[in-house]
N, C-alpha and C. Protein backbone atom coordinates (compact mmCIF):
# COMPACT_ATOMS: atom_id res chain seq x y z
N ILE A 1 -79.54 -128.66 -35.48
CA ILE A 1 -80.02 -127.32 -35.40
C ILE A 1 -80.04 -126.88 -33.46
N PRO A 2 -79.16 -126.19 -33.33
CA PRO A 2 -78.82 -126.51 -32.35
C PRO A 2 -79.80 -124.91 -31.44
N TYR A 3 -80.08 -125.00 -30.26
CA TYR A 3 -81.51 -124.46 -29.67
C TYR A 3 -81.52 -123.34 -30.09
N ASN A 4 -80.68 -122.67 -29.69
CA ASN A 4 -80.69 -120.61 -29.88
C ASN A 4 -81.05 -120.94 -31.40
N VAL A 5 -80.73 -121.06 -32.64
CA VAL A 5 -81.20 -121.03 -33.94
C VAL A 5 -82.28 -121.48 -34.50
N GLY A 6 -82.39 -122.79 -33.51
CA GLY A 6 -84.01 -122.68 -33.70
C GLY A 6 -85.21 -121.57 -33.03
N LEU A 7 -84.56 -120.61 -32.13
CA LEU A 7 -85.20 -120.54 -31.52
C LEU A 7 -85.56 -118.67 -32.65
N GLU A 8 -84.06 -118.14 -32.45
CA GLU A 8 -83.96 -116.87 -33.05
C GLU A 8 -84.76 -117.43 -34.66
N TYR A 9 -85.03 -118.86 -35.06
CA TYR A 9 -85.79 -118.29 -36.98
C TYR A 9 -87.36 -118.38 -36.16
N GLN A 10 -87.83 -118.87 -35.14
CA GLN A 10 -89.17 -118.93 -34.46
C GLN A 10 -89.03 -117.60 -34.33
N ILE A 11 -88.46 -116.35 -33.99
CA ILE A 11 -88.84 -115.12 -33.53
C ILE A 11 -89.06 -114.42 -34.49
N ASN A 12 -87.49 -114.78 -35.57
CA ASN A 12 -87.85 -113.68 -36.70
C ASN A 12 -88.96 -114.19 -37.82
N ARG A 13 -89.52 -115.75 -37.55
CA ARG A 13 -90.44 -116.01 -38.39
C ARG A 13 -92.19 -114.91 -38.15
N ASP A 14 -92.26 -115.01 -36.83
CA ASP A 14 -93.14 -114.55 -36.16
C ASP A 14 -93.51 -112.80 -36.59
N PHE A 15 -91.97 -112.39 -36.43
CA PHE A 15 -91.99 -111.15 -36.88
C PHE A 15 -92.37 -110.71 -38.40
N GLN A 16 -91.50 -111.67 -38.97
CA GLN A 16 -92.02 -111.34 -40.77
C GLN A 16 -93.64 -111.14 -41.33
N ILE A 17 -93.90 -112.68 -40.19
CA ILE A 17 -95.38 -112.67 -40.52
C ILE A 17 -96.24 -111.36 -40.08
N LYS A 18 -95.95 -111.05 -39.14
CA LYS A 18 -96.73 -109.78 -38.63
C LYS A 18 -96.38 -108.89 -39.69
N ASN A 19 -95.20 -108.51 -39.99
CA ASN A 19 -94.91 -107.34 -40.64
C ASN A 19 -95.35 -107.83 -41.95
N LYS A 20 -95.47 -108.42 -42.22
CA LYS A 20 -96.34 -108.91 -43.67
C LYS A 20 -97.76 -108.07 -43.60
N ASP A 21 -98.49 -108.60 -42.30
CA ASP A 21 -99.92 -108.48 -42.48
C ASP A 21 -99.71 -106.78 -42.19
N VAL A 22 -98.99 -105.97 -42.01
CA VAL A 22 -99.04 -104.71 -41.36
C VAL A 22 -98.87 -103.76 -43.19
N VAL A 23 -97.65 -104.25 -43.63
CA VAL A 23 -97.37 -103.64 -44.73
C VAL A 23 -98.81 -103.90 -46.28
N LYS A 24 -99.27 -105.24 -46.27
CA LYS A 24 -100.45 -105.24 -46.86
C LYS A 24 -101.39 -104.64 -46.14
N GLN A 25 -101.74 -104.32 -45.20
CA GLN A 25 -102.85 -103.23 -44.47
C GLN A 25 -102.89 -101.96 -45.15
N ARG A 26 -101.37 -101.39 -44.80
CA ARG A 26 -100.81 -99.85 -45.89
C ARG A 26 -101.51 -100.09 -46.95
N ILE A 27 -100.83 -101.15 -47.80
CA ILE A 27 -100.99 -100.91 -49.07
C ILE A 27 -102.37 -100.95 -49.50
N ASP A 28 -103.16 -101.94 -48.91
CA ASP A 28 -104.51 -101.76 -48.93
C ASP A 28 -104.94 -100.70 -48.47
N ASN A 29 -104.81 -99.84 -47.62
CA ASN A 29 -104.89 -98.44 -47.27
C ASN A 29 -104.77 -97.69 -48.21
N ALA A 30 -103.58 -97.77 -48.83
CA ALA A 30 -103.07 -96.71 -50.03
C ALA A 30 -104.00 -96.37 -51.41
N PHE A 31 -104.48 -97.99 -51.74
CA PHE A 31 -105.15 -98.38 -52.42
C PHE A 31 -106.50 -97.67 -52.70
N LEU A 32 -106.83 -97.96 -51.40
CA LEU A 32 -108.57 -97.41 -51.02
C LEU A 32 -108.71 -96.33 -51.39
N SER A 33 -107.67 -95.20 -51.15
CA SER A 33 -107.65 -93.26 -50.74
C SER A 33 -107.52 -92.93 -52.38
N ILE A 34 -106.84 -94.04 -53.00
CA ILE A 34 -106.52 -93.30 -54.40
C ILE A 34 -107.79 -93.90 -54.92
N ASP A 35 -108.52 -95.28 -54.83
CA ASP A 35 -109.74 -95.28 -55.80
C ASP A 35 -110.60 -94.37 -54.81
N LYS A 36 -110.84 -93.83 -53.75
CA LYS A 36 -111.78 -92.80 -53.23
C LYS A 36 -112.02 -91.89 -54.01
N VAL A 37 -110.30 -90.96 -54.14
CA VAL A 37 -109.96 -90.09 -54.83
C VAL A 37 -110.46 -89.76 -56.08
N MET A 38 -110.65 -91.14 -56.95
CA MET A 38 -110.81 -91.65 -58.29
C MET A 38 -112.68 -91.21 -58.27
N ASP A 39 -112.79 -91.80 -57.58
CA ASP A 39 -114.63 -91.67 -57.77
C ASP A 39 -115.16 -90.58 -57.18
N GLU A 40 -114.40 -89.14 -56.38
CA GLU A 40 -114.72 -87.96 -56.02
C GLU A 40 -114.49 -87.49 -57.74
N THR A 41 -113.09 -87.42 -57.77
CA THR A 41 -113.23 -86.78 -59.22
C THR A 41 -113.93 -87.05 -60.10
N LEU A 42 -114.22 -88.65 -60.42
CA LEU A 42 -115.80 -88.53 -61.70
C LEU A 42 -117.22 -88.18 -60.97
N ALA A 43 -117.37 -87.95 -59.68
CA ALA A 43 -118.83 -87.39 -59.43
C ALA A 43 -118.11 -86.10 -59.73
N ALA A 44 -117.63 -85.31 -59.50
CA ALA A 44 -117.08 -83.21 -59.60
C ALA A 44 -117.38 -83.34 -61.24
N ILE A 45 -116.30 -84.13 -62.06
CA ILE A 45 -116.47 -84.01 -63.46
C ILE A 45 -117.98 -84.26 -64.12
N SER A 46 -118.68 -85.22 -63.32
CA SER A 46 -119.87 -86.16 -64.43
C SER A 46 -120.89 -84.65 -63.67
N SER A 47 -120.65 -83.90 -62.53
CA SER A 47 -121.91 -83.05 -62.34
C SER A 47 -122.03 -82.29 -63.43
N PHE A 48 -120.75 -81.46 -63.92
CA PHE A 48 -121.16 -80.71 -64.90
C PHE A 48 -121.97 -80.81 -66.22
N ASN A 49 -122.46 -82.28 -66.30
CA ASN A 49 -123.26 -82.37 -67.56
C ASN A 49 -122.68 -82.05 -68.65
N ASN A 50 -121.45 -82.55 -69.07
CA ASN A 50 -121.00 -81.34 -70.58
C ASN A 50 -120.38 -82.77 -71.33
N ASN A 51 -121.12 -82.95 -72.61
CA ASN A 51 -120.55 -84.32 -73.23
C ASN A 51 -119.17 -84.37 -73.79
N LYS A 52 -118.67 -82.94 -73.76
CA LYS A 52 -117.03 -82.84 -74.13
C LYS A 52 -116.20 -83.61 -73.18
N LEU A 53 -116.72 -83.82 -71.86
CA LEU A 53 -116.07 -84.47 -71.02
C LEU A 53 -116.24 -85.66 -70.63
N LYS A 54 -116.92 -86.80 -71.74
CA LYS A 54 -116.94 -87.71 -71.76
C LYS A 54 -116.03 -88.79 -71.94
N GLY A 55 -114.82 -88.26 -72.60
CA GLY A 55 -113.75 -89.23 -72.90
C GLY A 55 -112.76 -88.77 -71.92
N LEU A 56 -113.00 -87.53 -71.08
CA LEU A 56 -112.14 -87.50 -69.88
C LEU A 56 -112.76 -88.77 -68.87
N ILE A 57 -113.81 -88.60 -68.73
CA ILE A 57 -114.84 -89.78 -67.84
C ILE A 57 -114.41 -91.09 -67.84
N ASP A 58 -114.35 -91.20 -68.93
CA ASP A 58 -114.12 -92.51 -70.01
C ASP A 58 -112.49 -93.06 -69.56
N ASN A 59 -111.24 -92.24 -69.96
CA ASN A 59 -109.84 -92.36 -69.12
C ASN A 59 -109.92 -92.32 -67.79
N ILE A 60 -110.31 -91.74 -67.15
CA ILE A 60 -110.61 -91.87 -65.66
C ILE A 60 -110.84 -93.40 -65.32
N ASN A 61 -112.12 -93.94 -65.74
CA ASN A 61 -112.73 -94.95 -65.60
C ASN A 61 -111.51 -96.14 -66.18
N LYS A 62 -111.24 -95.77 -67.48
CA LYS A 62 -109.98 -97.15 -67.91
C LYS A 62 -108.60 -97.01 -66.56
N LEU A 63 -108.70 -95.77 -66.35
CA LEU A 63 -107.11 -95.66 -65.16
C LEU A 63 -107.65 -96.06 -64.58
N LYS A 64 -108.75 -96.08 -63.78
CA LYS A 64 -109.19 -96.89 -62.38
C LYS A 64 -108.95 -98.61 -62.38
N SER A 65 -109.54 -98.91 -63.73
CA SER A 65 -109.70 -100.18 -63.78
C SER A 65 -107.97 -100.69 -63.94
N GLU A 66 -107.45 -100.30 -64.69
CA GLU A 66 -105.79 -100.34 -64.52
C GLU A 66 -105.47 -100.38 -63.40
N ILE A 67 -105.67 -99.32 -62.80
CA ILE A 67 -104.57 -99.32 -60.99
C ILE A 67 -105.29 -100.37 -60.29
N SER A 68 -106.64 -100.79 -60.72
CA SER A 68 -106.97 -102.22 -59.81
C SER A 68 -106.70 -103.34 -59.99
N ASN A 69 -106.66 -103.72 -61.40
CA ASN A 69 -105.83 -105.10 -61.98
C ASN A 69 -104.33 -104.88 -61.49
N SER A 70 -103.59 -103.66 -61.43
CA SER A 70 -102.33 -103.74 -61.08
C SER A 70 -102.16 -104.17 -59.60
N THR A 71 -102.99 -103.63 -59.07
CA THR A 71 -102.89 -103.68 -57.32
C THR A 71 -102.86 -105.05 -57.17
N ASN A 72 -104.42 -105.88 -58.07
CA ASN A 72 -104.53 -106.74 -57.43
C ASN A 72 -103.72 -107.59 -57.90
N CYS A 73 -102.98 -108.12 -58.92
CA CYS A 73 -101.77 -108.57 -59.56
C CYS A 73 -100.78 -108.29 -58.30
N PHE A 74 -100.40 -107.28 -57.56
CA PHE A 74 -99.40 -106.99 -56.94
C PHE A 74 -99.31 -107.48 -55.90
N VAL A 75 -100.62 -107.93 -54.80
CA VAL A 75 -100.59 -108.73 -53.59
C VAL A 75 -101.13 -110.16 -53.63
N SER A 76 -101.37 -109.93 -55.08
CA SER A 76 -101.54 -111.79 -55.30
C SER A 76 -100.11 -112.31 -55.25
N ASP A 77 -99.23 -111.27 -56.23
CA ASP A 77 -97.96 -111.99 -56.29
C ASP A 77 -97.08 -111.89 -55.06
N ASN A 78 -96.85 -111.01 -54.19
CA ASN A 78 -96.14 -110.69 -53.43
C ASN A 78 -96.85 -111.28 -51.96
N PHE A 79 -98.07 -110.94 -51.63
CA PHE A 79 -98.92 -111.22 -50.27
C PHE A 79 -99.75 -112.77 -49.86
N ASP A 80 -100.28 -113.14 -51.07
CA ASP A 80 -101.10 -114.09 -51.01
C ASP A 80 -100.41 -115.36 -50.77
N ASN A 81 -99.22 -115.67 -50.96
CA ASN A 81 -98.57 -116.93 -50.94
C ASN A 81 -97.26 -116.71 -50.07
N PHE A 82 -97.34 -116.11 -49.29
CA PHE A 82 -96.46 -115.79 -48.36
C PHE A 82 -96.01 -117.14 -47.49
């Protein structure tokens, strides 16, 4: 391999690794924001102490769990094995 090709490969490799870390951090922050909003929503709904809202609370908890599972799968598939 010519020297310039090897050098360019190393420069691009470092950039891609750093870029991956930045993208992963932004994704983590976005999902943490979603989780925070869902927690605040659950707290607000739970404060009403209304039995009719129990189904809504259960659905929000289920959605939160599905989002968490999807997020973990996405991150592990795309970033952990990089």
